[in-house]
Each structure stands twice: as structure tokens, then as C-alpha cells.
């Protein structure tokens, strides 16, 4: 039982860390748009197992893949839009709740909420 509890706690921390990184990438893309560079965007993979951050069209700044089958295997189970970009006033092209889940321990889920108009990002555990 102790090992199962440890695995659940570890999975929760791993998913939260991945969600925080995703949120940071959203905020960085928004900051770039506010600074006058509205060409950057985030594209989520169609397989729901990662995303790319583009600094401008056709220039990948960062790729974040979620490993399959390992101890850090995640997937998005809720994707309101596969592309997130921002206007020069910081408004997102899409908003909603992105839910990231651990593949083996399904109860380890974190919501990343992207607010319309303001582009604010909030992270919370799914209960």
C-alpha cells in the first residue's frame, strides 16, 4: 500500500510540473505578443502527447513531448483548441480548460485554465 501511495503522489507532482511548464510556455507566448511579436504560437500535438512552441511561423522554439509508457507519461484529455496564439493586446485566440493526465495513474490530473480576453492562466488539481 505504501508504494501505491508513493506512486500516486509522485504522479501528481509529475503532472503538476508538466502543467506548470505548459502554463509558463503560454505566458511566454503572451508576453512576446504584448512586446509586439504576434507571430508566435503554441500548437498541441494531434496525438495529445505534447506541444510545440513557435517563436514565429516555421521556427520551433521548443518541443515538449510526453513520453509514452514511462513514469512520466502524460496526455491531454481536454483540449479546447490545438493552436494558441495571442493578439498584440494579449488576448488569446482560444480559451478554455486544458486537462493534463498521467497515463498510468488516471487520478493524477491538473487543469490549466486559459481565460478569454485577459489571457490569464490558472493551474489547479482536478478533484
Protein backbone atom coordinates (compact mmCIF):
# COMPACT_ATOMS: atom_id res chain seq x y z
CA UNK A 1 0.00 0.00 0.00
CA UNK A 2 2.82 2.44 0.79
CA UNK A 3 4.30 2.00 -2.67
CA UNK A 4 0.94 2.67 -4.33
CA UNK A 5 0.54 5.84 -2.26
CA UNK A 6 4.03 6.96 -3.19
CA UNK A 7 3.38 6.29 -6.90
CA UNK A 8 0.16 8.35 -6.76
CA UNK A 9 1.93 11.23 -5.02
CA UNK A 10 4.82 11.09 -7.50
CA UNK A 11 2.43 11.02 -10.47
CA UNK A 12 0.56 14.04 -9.08
CA UNK A 13 3.81 16.01 -8.75
CA UNK A 14 4.98 14.99 -12.24
CA UNK A 15 1.70 16.05 -13.84
CA UNK A 16 1.70 19.33 -11.92
CA UNK A 17 5.26 20.08 -13.07
CA UNK A 18 4.32 19.40 -16.70
CA UNK A 19 1.22 21.61 -16.34
CA UNK A 20 3.33 24.42 -14.86
CA UNK A 21 5.74 24.20 -17.77
CA UNK A 22 2.81 24.34 -20.22
CA UNK A 23 1.39 27.37 -18.38
CA UNK A 24 4.79 29.09 -18.47
CA UNK A 25 5.02 28.49 -22.22
CA UNK A 26 1.57 30.03 -22.68
CA UNK A 27 2.59 33.08 -20.64
CA UNK A 28 5.87 33.46 -22.55
CA UNK A 29 3.99 33.36 -25.86
CA UNK A 30 1.59 36.01 -24.50
CA UNK A 31 4.49 38.21 -23.34
CA UNK A 32 6.05 38.02 -26.80
CA UNK A 33 2.75 39.14 -28.33
CA UNK A 34 2.49 42.06 -25.89
CA UNK A 35 6.05 43.06 -26.84
CA UNK A 36 4.93 43.35 -30.47
CA UNK A 37 5.83 39.93 -31.81
CA UNK A 38 2.44 38.39 -32.53
CA UNK A 39 3.84 35.67 -34.80
CA UNK A 40 4.48 33.14 -32.03
CA UNK A 41 2.02 30.43 -31.11
CA UNK A 42 1.65 27.07 -29.37
CA UNK A 43 0.49 24.00 -31.26
CA UNK A 44 -0.66 20.91 -29.38
CA UNK A 45 0.04 17.55 -30.98
CA UNK A 46 -2.91 15.76 -32.52
CA UNK A 47 -1.89 12.69 -30.52
CA UNK A 48 -2.46 14.68 -27.30
CA UNK A 49 1.04 13.82 -26.03
CA UNK A 50 2.89 17.11 -26.28
CA UNK A 51 3.14 20.51 -27.91
CA UNK A 52 5.44 22.83 -29.81
CA UNK A 53 6.18 26.47 -29.06
CA UNK A 54 6.80 28.54 -32.20
CA UNK A 55 8.64 31.82 -31.97
CA UNK A 56 7.40 32.67 -35.45
CA UNK A 57 5.90 30.61 -38.25
CA UNK A 58 8.12 27.64 -39.12
CA UNK A 59 10.62 28.31 -36.31
CA UNK A 60 10.17 25.91 -33.40
CA UNK A 61 11.49 27.44 -30.20
CA UNK A 62 10.69 24.41 -28.03
CA UNK A 63 9.21 20.94 -28.34
CA UNK A 64 7.66 19.30 -25.30
CA UNK A 65 6.81 15.65 -25.76
CA UNK A 66 5.23 13.50 -23.09
CA UNK A 67 6.98 10.11 -23.01
CA UNK A 68 4.86 7.04 -23.62
CA UNK A 69 4.89 4.18 -21.20
CA UNK A 70 7.43 5.65 -18.78
CA UNK A 71 6.98 7.01 -15.29
CA UNK A 72 6.41 10.46 -16.78
CA UNK A 73 3.88 9.58 -19.47
CA UNK A 74 1.13 12.20 -19.77
CA UNK A 75 -1.57 13.17 -22.18
CA UNK A 76 -4.05 15.98 -22.63
CA UNK A 77 -7.57 14.68 -22.07
CA UNK A 78 -9.21 18.05 -22.70
CA UNK A 79 -8.09 20.38 -25.48
CA UNK A 80 -10.37 23.32 -26.31
CA UNK A 81 -8.11 24.28 -29.27
CA UNK A 82 -4.98 22.82 -30.81
CA UNK A 83 -3.41 26.23 -31.57
CA UNK A 84 -2.99 29.05 -29.07
CA UNK A 85 -1.85 32.45 -30.25
CA UNK A 86 -2.26 35.96 -28.87
CA UNK A 87 -3.14 39.34 -30.31
CA UNK A 88 -0.87 42.32 -29.64
CA UNK A 89 -3.13 43.27 -26.71
CA UNK A 90 -2.64 39.84 -25.08
CA UNK A 91 -6.00 38.28 -25.92
CA UNK A 92 -5.78 34.56 -26.70
CA UNK A 93 -7.12 33.10 -29.94
CA UNK A 94 -8.61 30.28 -27.86
CA UNK A 95 -9.54 29.87 -24.24
CA UNK A 96 -10.79 27.10 -22.01
CA UNK A 97 -9.57 24.31 -19.79
CA UNK A 98 -6.71 22.06 -20.83
CA UNK A 99 -6.53 18.94 -18.65
CA UNK A 100 -3.29 17.02 -18.39
CA UNK A 101 -3.46 13.46 -17.03
CA UNK A 102 -0.91 10.81 -16.06
CA UNK A 103 -1.33 7.82 -18.37
CA UNK A 104 -1.00 5.08 -15.75
CA UNK A 105 -2.48 6.82 -12.72
CA UNK A 106 -5.61 8.38 -14.15
CA UNK A 107 -6.49 10.19 -10.92
CA UNK A 108 -3.40 12.41 -11.34
CA UNK A 109 -4.90 15.29 -13.33
CA UNK A 110 -4.22 19.01 -13.48
CA UNK A 111 -6.29 21.74 -15.15
CA UNK A 112 -4.64 24.64 -16.94
CA UNK A 113 -7.30 27.30 -17.48
CA UNK A 114 -6.70 29.95 -20.13
CA UNK A 115 -9.03 32.90 -19.64
CA UNK A 116 -10.62 34.68 -22.61
CA UNK A 117 -9.76 38.35 -23.26
CA UNK A 118 -7.14 38.67 -20.48
CA UNK A 119 -5.08 35.57 -21.30
CA UNK A 120 -4.59 34.82 -17.64
CA UNK A 121 -3.57 31.27 -16.78
CA UNK A 122 -4.60 29.31 -13.69
CA UNK A 123 -3.45 25.87 -12.58
CA UNK A 124 -5.44 23.61 -10.27
CA UNK A 125 -5.79 19.94 -9.44
CA UNK A 126 -8.83 18.08 -10.72
CA UNK A 127 -10.80 16.69 -7.82
